Amino acid sequence: MDIPSWKDPKLGTMKRAALWLVQEVGVGGLFTKEQLRDAFQGTSQIDRRMRDLRDFGWRIDTNREDPALEAHEHRFTTEGEPVWQEGKGSRPGNTVSAAQRRELLARDGHKCRSCGISPGEQYPGTYVASQLDIARRPVLLPSGAVEVQNVIECTRCRVGGRNLTADLADVLARIDRLPLLERKMLAGWVAQDARVFSEAEGIWAAYRSLPADSRDQVRGALS
């Protein structure tokens, strides 16, 4: 099927951005923000419109997802839904307003629900600051139905978890199998929406991330 030109002014900005990626960059190709903005001179919020493509299965990596990229580079990794086709590229009733976004951020504690990072906080071992966004996560309900629910995640977790489905049914079933003492302990964590890790647990997490030679030294120190 023939596809329209990315230069067609009758198309919306997101659709033109998708076509520009396909026709000018190509899957696997690199581009910069400057090249994107040069192609769409006079178009406001072109960066945001390109990010919107991620909600339709398009994958556009930065150096947060691919450390081999320079800070100014992007890679067009995966072509998603053909948003320029009739009936594609829109999700009626799924638009989140600015007020709803603020409510979601407050509800989720202004933190990524997957890794716990706060907005603007640097990822450990990097100079990259986090950005929080709304992820639309499919949730498998006890009834067997799948419902899409909103959750706050950082960009890194949002991209990494795009194809995941949360299994609420499994979580509830595992709670039912917990011994009473562990169930009460879990209820306390849930009530506080936080878990304080012991010093030993913190050391264990740090140990797990060490290279093999360093892990050997830790085992020697404990023997």
Protein backbone atom coordinates (compact mmCIF):
# COMPACT_ATOMS: atom_id res chain seq x y z
CA MET A 1 0.00 0.00 0.00
CA ASP A 2 1.29 3.45 -0.90
CA ILE A 3 1.84 5.74 2.07
CA PRO A 4 1.46 9.52 2.02
CA SER A 5 4.39 11.93 2.08
CA TRP A 6 5.57 13.20 5.43
CA LYS A 7 5.43 16.68 3.91
CA ASP A 8 1.64 16.52 3.41
CA PRO A 9 0.30 19.52 5.42
CA LYS A 10 -3.14 17.90 5.68
CA LEU A 11 -1.79 15.31 8.11
CA GLY A 12 -1.36 15.84 11.85
CA THR A 13 2.10 16.43 13.30
CA MET A 14 2.41 13.00 14.91
CA LYS A 15 1.48 11.26 11.66
CA ARG A 16 3.96 13.37 9.70
CA ALA A 17 6.67 12.58 12.26
CA ALA A 18 5.99 8.85 11.83
CA LEU A 19 6.21 9.16 8.06
CA TRP A 20 9.41 11.20 8.34
CA LEU A 21 10.97 8.38 10.36
CA VAL A 22 9.93 5.80 7.79
CA GLN A 23 10.80 7.79 4.67
CA GLU A 24 13.84 9.78 5.76
CA VAL A 25 15.49 7.86 8.63
CA GLY A 26 14.55 4.18 8.20
CA VAL A 27 14.39 1.49 10.87
CA GLY A 28 17.77 1.24 12.58
CA GLY A 29 18.78 4.71 11.42
CA LEU A 30 20.15 7.49 13.63
CA PHE A 31 18.93 11.07 13.80
CA THR A 32 19.26 14.08 16.10
CA LYS A 33 16.77 16.52 17.58
CA GLU A 34 18.31 19.20 15.39
CA GLN A 35 17.55 17.20 12.24
CA LEU A 36 13.99 16.61 13.44
CA ARG A 37 13.44 20.30 14.17
CA ASP A 38 15.01 21.34 10.88
CA ALA A 39 12.61 19.05 9.03
CA PHE A 40 9.61 20.48 10.91
CA GLN A 41 10.53 24.14 11.09
CA GLY A 42 7.71 26.25 12.46
CA THR A 43 5.97 23.21 13.99
CA SER A 44 5.45 23.51 17.72
CA GLN A 45 6.04 20.61 20.12
CA ILE A 46 7.47 18.32 17.45
CA ASP A 47 9.56 16.52 20.11
CA ARG A 48 6.42 15.71 22.10
CA ARG A 49 4.50 14.56 19.04
CA MET A 50 7.31 12.14 18.21
CA ARG A 51 7.29 10.82 21.78
CA ASP A 52 3.55 10.23 21.42
CA LEU A 53 4.36 7.56 18.82
CA ARG A 54 5.62 5.34 21.64
CA ASP A 55 2.01 4.82 22.71
CA PHE A 56 1.40 3.13 19.35
CA GLY A 57 4.26 0.63 19.44
CA TRP A 58 6.98 2.83 17.94
CA ARG A 59 10.36 2.54 19.62
CA ILE A 60 12.74 5.48 19.45
CA ASP A 61 15.82 4.98 21.63
CA THR A 62 18.00 7.60 23.29
CA ASN A 63 21.20 7.03 25.24
CA ARG A 64 18.99 6.21 28.24
CA GLU A 65 17.89 3.01 26.51
CA ASP A 66 21.02 2.46 24.39
CA PRO A 67 24.30 3.59 26.03
CA ALA A 68 26.05 3.28 22.65
CA LEU A 69 24.24 6.42 21.49
CA GLU A 70 25.64 9.89 22.04
CA ALA A 71 23.61 12.31 24.15
CA HIS A 72 22.30 14.12 21.06
CA GLU A 73 21.48 10.96 19.07
CA HIS A 74 18.28 8.95 18.66
CA ARG A 75 17.77 5.60 16.97
CA PHE A 76 14.56 4.66 15.14
CA THR A 77 14.42 1.09 16.44
CA THR A 78 10.92 -0.23 15.74
CA GLU A 79 8.11 0.85 13.44
CA GLY A 80 4.75 0.56 15.16
CA GLU A 81 1.13 1.11 14.20
CA PRO A 82 0.69 2.90 10.85
CA VAL A 83 -0.80 5.96 12.51
CA TRP A 84 -1.33 7.74 9.18
CA GLN A 85 -4.00 5.24 8.13
CA GLU A 86 -7.69 5.98 8.67
CA GLY A 87 -8.83 4.82 12.08
CA LYS A 88 -5.27 4.53 13.39
CA GLY A 89 -3.29 6.80 15.68
CA SER A 90 -6.08 7.78 18.05
CA ARG A 91 -7.48 6.39 21.25
CA PRO A 92 -10.82 8.01 22.05
CA GLY A 93 -11.47 8.54 25.75
CA ASN A 94 -7.87 7.82 26.72
CA THR A 95 -6.57 11.38 26.70
CA VAL A 96 -5.24 12.55 30.06
CA SER A 97 -5.75 16.23 30.89
CA ALA A 98 -3.23 18.34 32.79
CA ALA A 99 -5.44 18.18 35.89
CA GLN A 100 -5.73 14.39 35.67
CA ARG A 101 -1.96 14.15 35.23
CA ARG A 102 -1.43 16.10 38.45
CA GLU A 103 -3.89 13.83 40.25
CA LEU A 104 -2.12 10.71 38.98
CA LEU A 105 1.28 12.04 40.05
CA ALA A 106 -0.06 12.83 43.53
CA ARG A 107 -1.81 9.44 43.79
CA ASP A 108 1.40 7.60 42.90
CA GLY A 109 3.54 9.66 45.28
CA HIS A 110 5.41 11.61 42.58
CA LYS A 111 7.62 8.56 42.08
CA CYS A 112 8.07 5.86 39.44
CA ARG A 113 6.00 2.93 40.63
CA SER A 114 8.46 0.47 39.10
CA CYS A 115 11.85 1.69 40.37
CA GLY A 116 10.89 4.37 42.93
CA ILE A 117 12.91 7.19 41.38
CA SER A 118 11.69 10.79 41.81
CA PRO A 119 11.44 13.35 38.98
CA GLY A 120 14.80 14.96 38.23
CA GLU A 121 16.69 12.41 40.35
CA GLN A 122 19.77 10.95 38.68
CA TYR A 123 19.87 7.23 37.94
CA PRO A 124 22.58 5.54 40.04
CA GLY A 125 25.95 5.54 38.32
CA THR A 126 24.87 7.98 35.61
CA TYR A 127 24.41 11.70 35.02
CA VAL A 128 20.96 11.09 33.51
CA ALA A 129 18.02 12.69 35.34
CA SER A 130 14.69 10.87 35.40
CA GLN A 131 11.49 12.11 33.84
CA LEU A 132 8.12 10.82 35.00
CA ASP A 133 5.30 10.08 32.62
CA ILE A 134 2.01 8.21 32.45
CA ALA A 135 2.20 4.60 31.32
CA ARG A 136 -0.90 2.75 30.17
CA ARG A 137 -0.48 -0.74 31.62
CA PRO A 138 -2.69 -3.73 30.70
CA VAL A 139 -3.82 -5.46 33.91
CA LEU A 140 -5.07 -9.05 34.00
CA LEU A 141 -8.05 -9.03 36.40
CA PRO A 142 -9.26 -11.98 38.51
CA SER A 143 -12.22 -12.30 36.12
CA GLY A 144 -9.81 -13.04 33.27
CA ALA A 145 -10.53 -9.72 31.55
CA VAL A 146 -7.72 -7.32 30.69
CA GLU A 147 -8.17 -3.65 31.62
CA VAL A 148 -5.79 -0.82 30.71
CA GLN A 149 -4.96 1.30 33.76
CA ASN A 150 -2.75 4.36 34.20
CA VAL A 151 0.40 4.30 36.31
CA ILE A 152 3.27 6.75 36.81
CA GLU A 153 6.65 5.51 35.60
CA CYS A 154 9.96 7.06 34.63
CA THR A 155 10.84 7.08 30.95
CA ARG A 156 13.30 4.20 31.36
CA CYS A 157 10.82 1.87 33.06
CA ARG A 158 7.99 2.96 30.77
CA VAL A 159 9.96 2.00 27.69
CA GLY A 160 11.24 -1.25 29.19
CA GLY A 161 7.80 -2.35 30.37
CA ARG A 162 5.81 -1.38 27.30
CA ASN A 163 4.97 -4.98 26.36
CA LEU A 164 4.29 -6.20 29.91
CA THR A 165 0.90 -7.05 31.38
CA ALA A 166 0.43 -6.68 35.15
CA ASP A 167 -1.11 -9.82 36.65
CA LEU A 168 -3.42 -8.69 39.46
CA ALA A 169 -5.01 -12.13 39.61
CA ASP A 170 -1.62 -13.71 40.41
CA VAL A 171 -0.80 -11.11 43.07
CA LEU A 172 -4.13 -11.72 44.86
CA ALA A 173 -3.71 -15.49 44.65
CA ARG A 174 -0.21 -15.28 46.17
CA ILE A 175 -1.53 -13.11 49.01
CA ASP A 176 -4.07 -15.82 49.83
CA ARG A 177 -1.22 -18.34 50.18
CA LEU A 178 0.85 -16.21 52.57
CA PRO A 179 1.24 -17.28 56.22
CA LEU A 180 -0.54 -14.92 58.64
CA LEU A 181 2.67 -13.27 59.91
CA GLU A 182 3.93 -12.49 56.40
CA ARG A 183 0.48 -11.27 55.38
CA LYS A 184 0.46 -8.77 58.28
CA MET A 185 3.97 -7.63 57.39
CA LEU A 186 2.91 -7.09 53.76
CA ALA A 187 -0.21 -5.20 54.91
CA GLY A 188 2.05 -2.80 56.81
CA TRP A 189 4.18 -2.12 53.74
CA VAL A 190 1.07 -1.56 51.63
CA ALA A 191 -0.45 0.80 54.22
CA GLN A 192 2.73 2.92 54.24
CA ASP A 193 3.31 2.45 50.49
CA ALA A 194 6.94 1.91 51.42
CA ARG A 195 9.30 -0.74 52.66
CA VAL A 196 12.40 0.08 54.68
CA PHE A 197 15.18 -2.31 53.76
CA SER A 198 17.62 -3.51 56.42
CA GLU A 199 21.32 -2.73 56.13
CA ALA A 200 22.02 -6.36 55.17
CA GLU A 201 19.43 -6.19 52.38
CA GLY A 202 21.01 -2.98 51.09
CA ILE A 203 24.44 -4.61 51.05
CA TRP A 204 22.99 -7.65 49.26
CA ALA A 205 21.55 -5.42 46.51
CA ALA A 206 24.92 -3.69 46.11
CA TYR A 207 26.74 -7.04 46.10
CA ARG A 208 24.53 -8.39 43.33
CA SER A 209 25.61 -5.54 41.03
CA LEU A 210 29.34 -6.03 41.58
CA PRO A 211 31.65 -7.62 38.97
CA ALA A 212 32.80 -11.19 39.66
CA ASP A 213 36.24 -10.23 41.03
CA SER A 214 34.66 -7.81 43.49
CA ARG A 215 32.09 -10.42 44.54
CA ASP A 216 34.99 -12.77 45.37
CA GLN A 217 36.41 -10.12 47.72
CA VAL A 218 33.07 -9.76 49.45
CA ARG A 219 32.83 -13.54 49.94
CA GLY A 220 36.37 -13.48 51.37
CA ALA A 221 35.45 -10.74 53.82
CA LEU A 222 32.49 -12.80 55.06
CA SER A 223 34.38 -16.07 55.46
